[in-house]
Amino acid sequence: MKNRELLKGYSGADVGAEKTDQQQRIPGPVPVKSYNSPIQIRLPGDFSSLKMMSNLDCCISGRKSRRIFAKKPVTLTELAYLLWATQGIRNTVQTEVEITFRNVPSAGSRHPLETYLFLNQVEGVQPGLYHYRPDLHLLEKLDCDVPYTVELKRALCDQTFAATAPVLFVWSAIPYRCEWRYGMKAAKYILLDVGHACENLYLAAENIGLGVCAVGAYDQDLLDELLGFMPGPSAEPEYECAVYTAAVGRVN
């Protein structure tokens, strides 16, 4: 019963029960995380070379989870398109805090998600762990060429297809970005937000002939450790944890 309360919206008891940090005029968190990695990969912003279905009805009706991928790499332009579709920034506005407007909806435009990628087969890109910077539309390389497949398979509850996929998306949440405005209701909105992002991934991949399988079963501690996050739970504003993953590859 306690867990079910997460599903619910506001009630009369919520009015005035909590004063959020925004209401207290505490400065808000920045909307984008940066590692300032020395290895950065600029991503293509022109997708005109991609062969697209460009028919939303077909993308919706053809969408399904695919766990078998061809032994062919994903191109950098294809990956850039998927990243743009799932977290791409359209515009940035400075009010009391910096607000980003993106290609996916987010409660209050708080956008609490960060995108990490375990890349295994992407043309011209060294395998490894990367972080997406949507403000600059680039990848930051995070690891030092340490093999991660065995550890990743364990973290994904032995789901080999996901650990060995050409691309594995991992969305993390920085809860405070949303808590700053919504307080205790933030958890619900974060989970809604990551659902929006993953559905955009499915449809964008379908549009260019790639397959996706979302994976919600993973070992929290192992995956967070692979991503370099501090152990949880934590009330620190910088706290971050993985919330969803999705394997991507070329369809046979």
Protein backbone atom coordinates (compact mmCIF):
# COMPACT_ATOMS: atom_id res chain seq x y z
CA MET A 1 0.00 0.00 0.00
CA LYS A 2 2.84 2.37 0.79
CA ASN A 3 4.43 1.77 -2.62
CA ARG A 4 1.12 2.43 -4.36
CA GLU A 5 1.09 5.96 -2.97
CA LEU A 6 3.88 6.77 -5.44
CA LEU A 7 1.34 6.39 -8.26
CA LYS A 8 -0.98 9.08 -6.98
CA GLY A 9 -1.21 12.78 -7.74
CA TYR A 10 -1.85 15.61 -5.32
CA SER A 11 -4.52 15.45 -2.64
CA GLY A 12 -6.00 18.04 -0.31
CA ALA A 13 -3.58 16.96 2.41
CA ASP A 14 -0.64 17.99 0.20
CA VAL A 15 -1.65 21.65 0.05
CA GLY A 16 0.76 23.61 2.23
CA ALA A 17 2.23 20.42 3.72
CA GLU A 18 5.65 20.95 2.20
CA LYS A 19 7.58 24.04 1.23
CA THR A 20 9.87 23.18 -1.65
CA ASP A 21 13.33 24.64 -2.17
CA GLN A 22 11.99 26.63 -5.12
CA GLN A 23 9.33 28.20 -2.88
CA GLN A 24 12.06 29.02 -0.35
CA ARG A 25 14.01 30.70 -3.18
CA ILE A 26 16.99 28.40 -2.77
CA PRO A 27 19.07 28.50 -5.99
CA GLY A 28 18.22 25.61 -8.29
CA PRO A 29 20.60 22.96 -9.63
CA VAL A 30 22.22 23.16 -13.06
CA PRO A 31 20.28 21.25 -15.76
CA VAL A 32 23.22 19.41 -17.35
CA LYS A 33 26.03 17.38 -15.84
CA SER A 34 29.58 17.74 -17.17
CA TYR A 35 32.63 15.56 -16.60
CA ASN A 36 35.01 17.79 -18.57
CA SER A 37 36.54 14.64 -20.02
CA PRO A 38 39.71 15.13 -22.06
CA ILE A 39 38.29 12.73 -24.67
CA GLN A 40 35.24 14.23 -26.35
CA ILE A 41 33.46 13.22 -29.55
CA ARG A 42 31.47 15.84 -31.42
CA LEU A 43 28.28 14.32 -32.75
CA PRO A 44 26.72 14.98 -36.16
CA GLY A 45 23.75 17.31 -36.08
CA ASP A 46 22.70 16.77 -39.69
CA PHE A 47 20.61 13.63 -40.07
CA SER A 48 19.68 14.07 -43.74
CA SER A 49 21.91 11.14 -44.73
CA LEU A 50 19.85 8.68 -42.67
CA LYS A 51 17.25 6.58 -44.41
CA MET A 52 14.12 7.30 -42.41
CA MET A 53 10.69 5.73 -42.47
CA SER A 54 9.21 9.18 -41.72
CA ASN A 55 5.76 7.73 -41.11
CA LEU A 56 4.65 7.94 -37.50
CA ASP A 57 1.86 5.38 -37.97
CA CYS A 58 4.38 2.82 -39.26
CA CYS A 59 6.82 3.59 -36.44
CA ILE A 60 4.12 3.06 -33.83
CA SER A 61 2.68 -0.10 -35.36
CA GLY A 62 6.14 -1.56 -36.03
CA ARG A 63 7.56 -0.83 -32.61
CA LYS A 64 8.41 -3.87 -30.55
CA SER A 65 11.20 -5.04 -28.27
CA ARG A 66 14.03 -6.71 -30.15
CA ARG A 67 16.69 -8.78 -28.41
CA ILE A 68 18.53 -10.15 -31.45
CA PHE A 69 20.82 -7.76 -33.30
CA ALA A 70 22.82 -8.14 -36.50
CA LYS A 71 26.59 -8.32 -36.12
CA LYS A 72 26.93 -4.90 -37.71
CA PRO A 73 27.89 -1.63 -36.04
CA VAL A 74 25.65 1.35 -35.43
CA THR A 75 26.91 4.47 -37.19
CA LEU A 76 27.86 7.61 -35.27
CA THR A 77 25.15 9.56 -37.11
CA GLU A 78 22.53 7.00 -36.09
CA LEU A 79 23.64 7.20 -32.47
CA ALA A 80 23.62 11.00 -32.61
CA TYR A 81 20.05 10.91 -33.94
CA LEU A 82 18.91 8.65 -31.10
CA LEU A 83 20.53 10.90 -28.52
CA TRP A 84 18.96 13.99 -30.09
CA ALA A 85 15.54 12.28 -30.11
CA THR A 86 15.76 11.25 -26.45
CA GLN A 87 17.43 14.23 -24.74
CA GLY A 88 18.23 16.81 -27.45
CA ILE A 89 17.93 20.44 -26.32
CA ARG A 90 15.82 22.77 -28.46
CA ASN A 91 16.23 25.93 -26.44
CA THR A 92 17.61 27.22 -23.14
CA VAL A 93 16.02 30.01 -21.11
CA GLN A 94 17.44 31.76 -18.08
CA THR A 95 14.85 32.62 -15.42
CA GLU A 96 15.40 32.13 -11.69
CA VAL A 97 17.17 28.96 -12.86
CA GLU A 98 18.42 27.77 -16.23
CA ILE A 99 15.68 25.86 -18.04
CA THR A 100 16.20 23.55 -20.99
CA PHE A 101 13.46 22.67 -23.46
CA ARG A 102 14.11 19.27 -25.01
CA ASN A 103 12.67 16.75 -27.45
CA VAL A 104 11.01 14.84 -24.61
CA PRO A 105 8.55 16.22 -22.05
CA SER A 106 9.57 16.66 -18.44
CA ALA A 107 7.58 17.87 -15.44
CA GLY A 108 8.26 21.59 -15.09
CA SER A 109 11.09 21.25 -17.65
CA ARG A 110 13.27 20.01 -14.81
CA HIS A 111 14.82 17.21 -16.91
CA PRO A 112 16.39 15.15 -14.10
CA LEU A 113 17.86 12.51 -16.45
CA GLU A 114 21.43 11.95 -17.59
CA THR A 115 22.36 9.59 -20.43
CA TYR A 116 25.23 7.12 -20.23
CA LEU A 117 26.24 4.73 -23.00
CA PHE A 118 28.14 1.48 -22.98
CA LEU A 119 29.35 1.42 -26.57
CA ASN A 120 30.44 -1.89 -28.06
CA GLN A 121 29.99 -1.47 -31.81
CA VAL A 122 29.75 2.08 -33.10
CA GLU A 123 31.63 2.98 -36.28
CA GLY A 124 34.75 4.99 -35.56
CA VAL A 125 34.23 5.02 -31.79
CA GLN A 126 36.39 3.13 -29.31
CA PRO A 127 34.35 0.77 -27.10
CA GLY A 128 33.80 1.99 -23.58
CA LEU A 129 31.62 4.03 -21.27
CA TYR A 130 30.46 7.46 -22.41
CA HIS A 131 28.31 10.32 -21.10
CA TYR A 132 26.10 12.45 -23.36
CA ARG A 133 26.29 16.25 -23.10
CA PRO A 134 23.01 17.47 -24.65
CA ASP A 135 23.98 21.14 -24.31
CA LEU A 136 27.00 20.62 -26.59
CA HIS A 137 25.72 17.52 -28.45
CA LEU A 138 28.84 15.51 -27.73
CA LEU A 139 30.05 12.38 -25.98
CA GLU A 140 32.49 12.37 -23.08
CA LYS A 141 34.55 9.21 -22.64
CA LEU A 142 34.59 8.19 -18.99
CA ASP A 143 36.63 5.00 -18.67
CA CYS A 144 40.21 4.10 -19.47
CA ASP A 145 39.62 1.20 -21.87
CA VAL A 146 38.91 -1.23 -19.03
CA PRO A 147 36.84 -4.23 -20.26
CA TYR A 148 33.38 -4.02 -18.75
CA THR A 149 31.35 -6.78 -20.47
CA VAL A 150 31.56 -9.33 -17.64
CA GLU A 151 30.70 -6.76 -14.97
CA LEU A 152 27.95 -5.28 -17.13
CA LYS A 153 26.37 -8.71 -17.67
CA ARG A 154 26.28 -9.24 -13.90
CA ALA A 155 24.82 -5.77 -13.38
CA LEU A 156 22.09 -6.56 -15.93
CA CYS A 157 21.08 -9.75 -14.12
CA ASP A 158 22.91 -11.96 -16.66
CA GLN A 159 21.03 -10.63 -19.69
CA THR A 160 23.77 -11.27 -22.25
CA PHE A 161 21.96 -9.70 -25.19
CA ALA A 162 21.90 -6.34 -23.41
CA ALA A 163 25.47 -6.49 -22.10
CA THR A 164 26.83 -7.31 -25.57
CA ALA A 165 24.54 -5.05 -27.63
CA PRO A 166 26.21 -2.53 -29.96
CA VAL A 167 24.85 0.24 -27.71
CA LEU A 168 23.41 0.15 -24.22
CA PHE A 169 21.61 3.29 -23.05
CA VAL A 170 21.54 3.84 -19.30
CA TRP A 171 19.43 6.70 -17.98
CA SER A 172 20.25 7.95 -14.53
CA ALA A 173 18.32 10.41 -12.39
CA ILE A 174 19.63 13.29 -10.35
CA PRO A 175 16.53 13.52 -8.12
CA TYR A 176 17.23 16.96 -6.68
CA ARG A 177 16.68 18.64 -10.05
CA CYS A 178 13.04 17.63 -9.75
CA GLU A 179 12.81 17.71 -5.93
CA TRP A 180 13.86 21.37 -5.97
CA ARG A 181 10.46 22.18 -7.48
CA TYR A 182 8.21 19.26 -6.56
CA GLY A 183 9.51 17.95 -3.25
CA MET A 184 8.17 14.52 -2.33
CA LYS A 185 6.22 14.21 -5.58
CA ALA A 186 9.44 14.27 -7.60
CA ALA A 187 9.94 10.48 -7.65
CA LYS A 188 6.73 9.96 -9.62
CA TYR A 189 7.63 12.60 -12.19
CA ILE A 190 11.16 11.23 -12.65
CA LEU A 191 9.76 7.80 -13.52
CA LEU A 192 7.28 9.36 -15.95
CA ASP A 193 10.12 11.33 -17.55
CA VAL A 194 12.29 8.28 -18.17
CA GLY A 195 9.31 6.53 -19.76
CA HIS A 196 8.95 9.43 -22.19
CA ALA A 197 12.65 9.21 -23.09
CA CYS A 198 12.58 5.45 -23.66
CA GLU A 199 9.49 5.61 -25.88
CA ASN A 200 11.18 8.29 -28.00
CA LEU A 201 14.15 5.92 -28.30
CA TYR A 202 11.89 3.11 -29.52
CA LEU A 203 10.19 5.27 -32.14
CA ALA A 204 13.37 7.02 -33.32
CA ALA A 205 15.16 3.66 -33.67
CA GLU A 206 12.21 2.19 -35.57
CA ASN A 207 12.34 5.19 -37.88
CA ILE A 208 15.92 4.40 -38.97
CA GLY A 209 15.86 0.59 -38.95
CA LEU A 210 17.38 -0.08 -35.54
CA GLY A 211 15.97 -2.25 -32.78
CA VAL A 212 15.53 -1.54 -29.08
CA CYS A 213 14.77 -3.58 -25.99
CA ALA A 214 14.15 -1.72 -22.75
CA VAL A 215 15.55 -3.44 -19.65
CA GLY A 216 14.24 -2.61 -16.22
CA ALA A 217 15.81 -5.59 -14.42
CA TYR A 218 19.28 -4.74 -13.13
CA ASP A 219 21.31 -4.88 -9.94
CA GLN A 220 21.19 -1.32 -8.61
CA ASP A 221 24.42 -1.43 -6.64
CA LEU A 222 26.45 -3.09 -9.40
CA LEU A 223 25.21 -0.80 -12.16
CA ASP A 224 25.65 2.35 -10.08
CA GLU A 225 29.18 1.22 -9.22
CA LEU A 226 30.00 0.70 -12.90
CA LEU A 227 28.80 4.22 -13.60
CA GLY A 228 30.89 5.63 -10.77
CA PHE A 229 27.99 6.85 -8.61
CA MET A 230 28.21 7.20 -4.84
CA PRO A 231 26.41 4.44 -2.90
CA GLY A 232 22.82 5.18 -1.96
CA PRO A 233 20.46 6.00 -0.51
CA SER A 234 21.52 9.59 0.00
CA ALA A 235 19.85 12.96 0.54
CA GLU A 236 22.75 14.88 -1.02
CA PRO A 237 21.76 17.16 -3.92
CA GLU A 238 24.42 15.51 -6.12
CA TYR A 239 23.05 12.01 -5.55
CA GLU A 240 22.54 10.08 -8.79
CA CYS A 241 21.30 6.58 -9.57
CA ALA A 242 20.47 4.46 -12.61
CA VAL A 243 16.73 4.20 -13.33
CA TYR A 244 16.37 2.46 -16.73
CA THR A 245 18.39 0.81 -19.49
CA ALA A 246 17.82 -0.05 -23.14
CA ALA A 247 19.82 -2.15 -25.59
CA VAL A 248 20.12 -0.90 -29.19
CA GLY A 249 21.36 -2.61 -32.34
CA ARG A 250 20.79 -3.16 -36.03
CA VAL A 251 17.86 -5.37 -36.96
CA ASN A 252 18.60 -8.47 -39.04
